[in-house]
C-alpha atoms as a PDB file:
ATOM      1  CA  MET A   1       8.613 -25.699  14.119  1.00  0.00           C
ATOM      2  CA  GLU A   2       8.277 -24.098  17.523  1.00  0.00           C
ATOM      3  CA  PHE A   3       7.599 -20.424  17.992  1.00  0.00           C
ATOM      4  CA  GLY A   4       9.643 -19.071  20.838  1.00  0.00           C
ATOM      5  CA  PRO A   5      10.305 -15.493  21.891  1.00  0.00           C
ATOM      6  CA  GLN A   6      13.136 -15.173  19.341  1.00  0.00           C
ATOM      7  CA  GLN A   7      10.946 -16.128  16.380  1.00  0.00           C
ATOM      8  CA  ILE A   8       8.063 -13.936  17.533  1.00  0.00           C
ATOM      9  CA  GLY A   9      10.436 -10.990  17.980  1.00  0.00           C
ATOM     10  CA  LYS A  10      11.902 -11.462  14.490  1.00  0.00           C
ATOM     11  CA  PHE A  11       8.384 -11.733  13.039  1.00  0.00           C
ATOM     12  CA  LEU A  12       7.275  -8.493  14.741  1.00  0.00           C
ATOM     13  CA  ILE A  13      10.392  -6.678  13.518  1.00  0.00           C
ATOM     14  CA  ALA A  14       9.725  -7.884   9.967  1.00  0.00           C
ATOM     15  CA  ILE A  15       6.096  -6.722  10.171  1.00  0.00           C
ATOM     16  CA  GLY A  16       7.202  -3.330  11.506  1.00  0.00           C
ATOM     17  CA  LEU A  17       9.782  -2.858   8.744  1.00  0.00           C
ATOM     18  CA  THR A  18       7.180  -3.813   6.152  1.00  0.00           C
ATOM     19  CA  ILE A  19       4.750  -1.217   7.512  1.00  0.00           C
ATOM     20  CA  VAL A  20       7.480   1.456   7.488  1.00  0.00           C
ATOM     21  CA  LEU A  21       8.391   0.549   3.891  1.00  0.00           C
ATOM     22  CA  LEU A  22       4.748   0.714   2.767  1.00  0.00           C
ATOM     23  CA  GLY A  23       4.341   4.070   4.516  1.00  0.00           C
ATOM     24  CA  ALA A  24       7.397   5.443   2.713  1.00  0.00           C
ATOM     25  CA  ILE A  25       6.084   4.153  -0.624  1.00  0.00           C
ATOM     26  CA  PHE A  26       2.701   5.833  -0.068  1.00  0.00           C
ATOM     27  CA  LEU A  27       4.400   9.105   0.890  1.00  0.00           C
ATOM     28  CA  LEU A  28       6.466   8.948  -2.298  1.00  0.00           C
ATOM     29  CA  LEU A  29       3.425   8.133  -4.443  1.00  0.00           C
ATOM     30  CA  GLY A  30       1.540  11.028  -2.859  1.00  0.00           C
ATOM     31  CA  GLN A  31       4.397  13.382  -3.741  1.00  0.00           C
ATOM     32  CA  LEU A  32       4.286  12.119  -7.340  1.00  0.00           C
ATOM     33  CA  GLY A  33       0.569  12.934  -7.540  1.00  0.00           C
ATOM     34  CA  LEU A  34      -0.934   9.454  -7.543  1.00  0.00           C
ATOM     35  CA  PHE A  35      -3.698  10.368  -5.110  1.00  0.00           C
ATOM     36  CA  LYS A  36      -4.788  13.424  -7.093  1.00  0.00           C
ATOM     37  CA  LEU A  37      -6.141  11.737 -10.213  1.00  0.00           C
ATOM     38  CA  HIS A  38      -9.367  12.703 -12.011  1.00  0.00           C
ATOM     39  CA  GLY A  39     -11.427   9.802 -10.644  1.00  0.00           C
ATOM     40  CA  ASP A  40     -10.456  10.480  -7.028  1.00  0.00           C
ATOM     41  CA  LEU A  41     -13.374  12.146  -5.285  1.00  0.00           C
ATOM     42  CA  GLN A  42     -12.799  14.971  -2.827  1.00  0.00           C
ATOM     43  CA  PHE A  43     -15.522  17.030  -1.209  1.00  0.00           C
ATOM     44  CA  GLY A  44     -16.250  18.841   2.000  1.00  0.00           C
ATOM     45  CA  SER A  45     -16.419  22.286   3.509  1.00  0.00           C
ATOM     46  CA  LYS A  46     -14.258  24.568   5.608  1.00  0.00           C
ATOM     47  CA  ASN A  47     -14.222  22.297   8.665  1.00  0.00           C
ATOM     48  CA  TRP A  48     -14.253  18.813   7.144  1.00  0.00           C
ATOM     49  CA  ARG A  49     -13.102  16.969   4.047  1.00  0.00           C
ATOM     50  CA  VAL A  50     -13.838  13.520   2.579  1.00  0.00           C
ATOM     51  CA  PHE A  51     -11.395  11.913   0.153  1.00  0.00           C
ATOM     52  CA  ILE A  52     -12.284   8.755  -1.806  1.00  0.00           C
ATOM     53  CA  PRO A  53      -9.360   7.571  -4.008  1.00  0.00           C
ATOM     54  CA  ILE A  54     -11.309   5.415  -6.501  1.00  0.00           C
ATOM     55  CA  THR A  55      -8.959   5.740  -9.490  1.00  0.00           C
ATOM     56  CA  SER A  56      -5.825   5.456  -7.372  1.00  0.00           C
ATOM     57  CA  CYS A  57      -7.121   2.228  -5.790  1.00  0.00           C
ATOM     58  CA  ILE A  58      -7.870   0.760  -9.219  1.00  0.00           C
ATOM     59  CA  ILE A  59      -4.366   1.591 -10.462  1.00  0.00           C
ATOM     60  CA  ILE A  60      -2.738   0.142  -7.329  1.00  0.00           C
ATOM     61  CA  SER A  61      -4.878  -3.006  -7.692  1.00  0.00           C
ATOM     62  CA  ILE A  62      -3.869  -3.474 -11.338  1.00  0.00           C
ATOM     63  CA  VAL A  63      -0.173  -2.995 -10.551  1.00  0.00           C
ATOM     64  CA  LEU A  64      -0.273  -5.428  -7.609  1.00  0.00           C
ATOM     65  CA  THR A  65      -2.173  -7.977  -9.702  1.00  0.00           C
ATOM     66  CA  LEU A  66       0.456  -7.781 -12.448  1.00  0.00           C
ATOM     67  CA  ILE A  67       3.312  -8.115  -9.934  1.00  0.00           C
ATOM     68  CA  LEU A  68       1.732 -11.134  -8.233  1.00  0.00           C
ATOM     69  CA  TRP A  69       0.923 -12.721 -11.590  1.00  0.00           C
ATOM     70  CA  LEU A  70       4.545 -12.242 -12.685  1.00  0.00           C
ATOM     71  CA  ILE A  71       5.848 -13.793  -9.471  1.00  0.00           C
ATOM     72  CA  SER A  72       3.477 -16.749  -9.900  1.00  0.00           C
ATOM     73  CA  TYR A  73       4.520 -17.153 -13.537  1.00  0.00           C
ATOM     74  CA  LEU A  74       8.240 -17.093 -12.728  1.00  0.00           C
ATOM     75  CA  ARG A  75       7.869 -19.632  -9.883  1.00  0.00           C
ATOM     76  CA  ARG A  76       6.590 -22.353 -12.255  1.00  0.00           C
END
């Protein structure tokens, strides 16, 4: 399989659409309050703020693991 300008262009468009979709999903999850859970650390002062989403990352990891496991199970 040769990669010409057409294939590279299609690949870059697919990557761009995937990034836009993931951005929209994260915006939606932020509106639903996912990144404001009890285990998410947030500290700082008037001029700076540090946010460490520990609990949110664990939940996202569990959900992605279950989705990938389900896809693997259904492909057998």
